[in-house]
Amino acid sequence: MDFAADGNEVRFALAEAALRGAVSGILRSVITWLLDHLT
């Protein structure tokens, strides 16, 4: 088993999950801001 490759895959998966969380959080705050200012 290549532990370095496994570690890189885990790190990549964590980075992808963090990026998705950040993007969804930004989208959510943008949508709430728009709703607050348009209504």
PDB file of N, CA and C in Angstrom:
ATOM      1  N   MET A   1       0.846  -1.207   0.000  1.00  0.00           N
ATOM      2  CA  MET A   1       0.000   0.000   0.000  1.00  0.00           C
ATOM      3  C   MET A   1       0.876   1.250   0.000  1.00  0.00           C
ATOM      4  N   ASP A   2       0.430   2.236  -0.729  1.00  0.00           N
ATOM      5  CA  ASP A   2       1.173   3.497  -0.796  1.00  0.00           C
ATOM      6  C   ASP A   2       0.468   4.516   0.099  1.00  0.00           C
ATOM      7  N   PHE A   3       1.031   4.723   1.277  1.00  0.00           N
ATOM      8  CA  PHE A   3       0.360   5.601   2.231  1.00  0.00           C
ATOM      9  C   PHE A   3       0.395   7.057   1.795  1.00  0.00           C
ATOM     10  N   ALA A   4       1.429   7.443   1.060  1.00  0.00           N
ATOM     11  CA  ALA A   4       1.517   8.829   0.598  1.00  0.00           C
ATOM     12  C   ALA A   4       0.371   9.139  -0.358  1.00  0.00           C
ATOM     13  N   ALA A   5       0.087   8.208  -1.271  1.00  0.00           N
ATOM     14  CA  ALA A   5      -1.007   8.421  -2.225  1.00  0.00           C
ATOM     15  C   ALA A   5      -2.338   8.507  -1.478  1.00  0.00           C
ATOM     16  N   ASP A   6      -2.520   7.618  -0.482  1.00  0.00           N
ATOM     17  CA  ASP A   6      -3.758   7.662   0.292  1.00  0.00           C
ATOM     18  C   ASP A   6      -3.903   8.999   1.012  1.00  0.00           C
ATOM     19  N   GLY A   7      -2.801   9.482   1.581  1.00  0.00           N
ATOM     20  CA  GLY A   7      -2.847  10.762   2.279  1.00  0.00           C
ATOM     21  C   GLY A   7      -3.205  11.895   1.334  1.00  0.00           C
ATOM     22  N   ASN A   8      -2.656  11.865   0.123  1.00  0.00           N
ATOM     23  CA  ASN A   8      -2.968  12.915  -0.843  1.00  0.00           C
ATOM     24  C   ASN A   8      -4.436  12.859  -1.244  1.00  0.00           C
ATOM     25  N   GLU A   9      -4.965  11.643  -1.413  1.00  0.00           N
ATOM     26  CA  GLU A   9      -6.377  11.519  -1.775  1.00  0.00           C
ATOM     27  C   GLU A   9      -7.264  12.060  -0.663  1.00  0.00           C
ATOM     28  N   VAL A  10      -6.909  11.726   0.579  1.00  0.00           N
ATOM     29  CA  VAL A  10      -7.699  12.223   1.712  1.00  0.00           C
ATOM     30  C   VAL A  10      -7.632  13.744   1.769  1.00  0.00           C
ATOM     31  N   ARG A  11      -6.419  14.285   1.571  1.00  0.00           N
ATOM     32  CA  ARG A  11      -6.258  15.736   1.613  1.00  0.00           C
ATOM     33  C   ARG A  11      -7.078  16.396   0.501  1.00  0.00           C
ATOM     34  N   PHE A  12      -7.063  15.787  -0.688  1.00  0.00           N
ATOM     35  CA  PHE A  12      -7.819  16.344  -1.808  1.00  0.00           C
ATOM     36  C   PHE A  12      -9.320  16.310  -1.514  1.00  0.00           C
ATOM     37  N   ALA A  13      -9.789  15.193  -0.937  1.00  0.00           N
ATOM     38  CA  ALA A  13     -11.211  15.083  -0.609  1.00  0.00           C
ATOM     39  C   ALA A  13     -11.603  16.132   0.428  1.00  0.00           C
ATOM     40  N   LEU A  14     -10.743  16.339   1.429  1.00  0.00           N
ATOM     41  CA  LEU A  14     -11.040  17.350   2.445  1.00  0.00           C
ATOM     42  C   LEU A  14     -11.064  18.743   1.832  1.00  0.00           C
ATOM     43  N   ALA A  15     -10.114  19.027   0.940  1.00  0.00           N
ATOM     44  CA  ALA A  15     -10.079  20.341   0.297  1.00  0.00           C
ATOM     45  C   ALA A  15     -11.323  20.550  -0.552  1.00  0.00           C
ATOM     46  N   GLU A  16     -11.746  19.497  -1.263  1.00  0.00           N
ATOM     47  CA  GLU A  16     -12.939  19.610  -2.101  1.00  0.00           C
ATOM     48  C   GLU A  16     -14.174  19.864  -1.243  1.00  0.00           C
ATOM     49  N   ALA A  17     -14.278  19.151  -0.113  1.00  0.00           N
ATOM     50  CA  ALA A  17     -15.416  19.343   0.779  1.00  0.00           C
ATOM     51  C   ALA A  17     -15.410  20.754   1.366  1.00  0.00           C
ATOM     52  N   ALA A  18     -14.230  21.243   1.749  1.00  0.00           N
ATOM     53  CA  ALA A  18     -14.135  22.589   2.311  1.00  0.00           C
ATOM     54  C   ALA A  18     -14.507  23.629   1.266  1.00  0.00           C
ATOM     55  N   LEU A  19     -14.055  23.411   0.014  1.00  0.00           N
ATOM     56  CA  LEU A  19     -14.372  24.357  -1.052  1.00  0.00           C
ATOM     57  C   LEU A  19     -15.873  24.383  -1.315  1.00  0.00           C
ATOM     58  N   ARG A  20     -16.488  23.195  -1.342  1.00  0.00           N
ATOM     59  CA  ARG A  20     -17.938  23.149  -1.557  1.00  0.00           C
ATOM     60  C   ARG A  20     -18.673  23.850  -0.425  1.00  0.00           C
ATOM     61  N   GLY A  21     -18.223  23.633   0.812  1.00  0.00           N
ATOM     62  CA  GLY A  21     -18.867  24.288   1.947  1.00  0.00           C
ATOM     63  C   GLY A  21     -18.743  25.796   1.862  1.00  0.00           C
ATOM     64  N   ALA A  22     -17.561  26.280   1.454  1.00  0.00           N
ATOM     65  CA  ALA A  22     -17.356  27.720   1.344  1.00  0.00           C
ATOM     66  C   ALA A  22     -18.236  28.297   0.248  1.00  0.00           C
ATOM     67  N   VAL A  23     -18.300  27.613  -0.892  1.00  0.00           N
ATOM     68  CA  VAL A  23     -19.108  28.109  -2.014  1.00  0.00           C
ATOM     69  C   VAL A  23     -20.581  28.144  -1.631  1.00  0.00           C
ATOM     70  N   SER A  24     -21.079  27.084  -0.990  1.00  0.00           N
ATOM     71  CA  SER A  24     -22.490  27.063  -0.618  1.00  0.00           C
ATOM     72  C   SER A  24     -22.776  28.119   0.445  1.00  0.00           C
ATOM     73  N   GLY A  25     -21.833  28.341   1.359  1.00  0.00           N
ATOM     74  CA  GLY A  25     -22.022  29.375   2.369  1.00  0.00           C
ATOM     75  C   GLY A  25     -22.074  30.760   1.753  1.00  0.00           C
ATOM     76  N   ILE A  26     -21.180  31.022   0.788  1.00  0.00           N
ATOM     77  CA  ILE A  26     -21.167  32.326   0.117  1.00  0.00           C
ATOM     78  C   ILE A  26     -22.466  32.519  -0.661  1.00  0.00           C
ATOM     79  N   LEU A  27     -22.889  31.476  -1.393  1.00  0.00           N
ATOM     80  CA  LEU A  27     -24.134  31.580  -2.153  1.00  0.00           C
ATOM     81  C   LEU A  27     -25.307  31.853  -1.221  1.00  0.00           C
ATOM     82  N   ARG A  28     -25.329  31.179  -0.078  1.00  0.00           N
ATOM     83  CA  ARG A  28     -26.434  31.357   0.858  1.00  0.00           C
ATOM     84  C   ARG A  28     -26.472  32.789   1.377  1.00  0.00           C
ATOM     85  N   SER A  29     -25.301  33.349   1.730  1.00  0.00           N
ATOM     86  CA  SER A  29     -25.288  34.715   2.253  1.00  0.00           C
ATOM     87  C   SER A  29     -25.626  35.715   1.157  1.00  0.00           C
ATOM     88  N   VAL A  30     -25.186  35.454  -0.079  1.00  0.00           N
ATOM     89  CA  VAL A  30     -25.535  36.356  -1.187  1.00  0.00           C
ATOM     90  C   VAL A  30     -27.039  36.345  -1.422  1.00  0.00           C
ATOM     91  N   ILE A  31     -27.644  35.151  -1.390  1.00  0.00           N
ATOM     92  CA  ILE A  31     -29.088  35.046  -1.621  1.00  0.00           C
ATOM     93  C   ILE A  31     -29.858  35.746  -0.508  1.00  0.00           C
ATOM     94  N   THR A  32     -29.441  35.553   0.741  1.00  0.00           N
ATOM     95  CA  THR A  32     -30.156  36.209   1.841  1.00  0.00           C
ATOM     96  C   THR A  32     -29.992  37.722   1.750  1.00  0.00           C
ATOM     97  N   TRP A  33     -28.791  38.202   1.340  1.00  0.00           N
ATOM     98  CA  TRP A  33     -28.562  39.640   1.194  1.00  0.00           C
ATOM     99  C   TRP A  33     -29.470  40.199   0.108  1.00  0.00           C
ATOM    100  N   LEU A  34     -29.558  39.483  -1.024  1.00  0.00           N
ATOM    101  CA  LEU A  34     -30.415  39.946  -2.115  1.00  0.00           C
ATOM    102  C   LEU A  34     -31.871  39.999  -1.664  1.00  0.00           C
ATOM    103  N   LEU A  35     -32.318  38.958  -0.965  1.00  0.00           N
ATOM    104  CA  LEU A  35     -33.705  38.940  -0.506  1.00  0.00           C
ATOM    105  C   LEU A  35     -33.963  40.091   0.457  1.00  0.00           C
ATOM    106  N   ASP A  36     -32.998  40.395   1.320  1.00  0.00           N
ATOM    107  CA  ASP A  36     -33.179  41.492   2.266  1.00  0.00           C
ATOM    108  C   ASP A  36     -33.264  42.829   1.544  1.00  0.00           C
ATOM    109  N   HIS A  37     -32.476  43.013   0.474  1.00  0.00           N
ATOM    110  CA  HIS A  37     -32.407  44.320  -0.166  1.00  0.00           C
ATOM    111  C   HIS A  37     -33.418  44.494  -1.288  1.00  0.00           C
ATOM    112  N   LEU A  38     -33.953  43.411  -1.822  1.00  0.00           N
ATOM    113  CA  LEU A  38     -34.900  43.533  -2.931  1.00  0.00           C
ATOM    114  C   LEU A  38     -36.338  43.628  -2.452  1.00  0.00           C
ATOM    115  N   THR A  39     -36.613  43.151  -1.234  1.00  0.00           N
ATOM    116  CA  THR A  39     -37.994  43.158  -0.765  1.00  0.00           C
ATOM    117  C   THR A  39     -38.245  44.324   0.164  1.00  0.00           C
TER     118      THR A  39
END
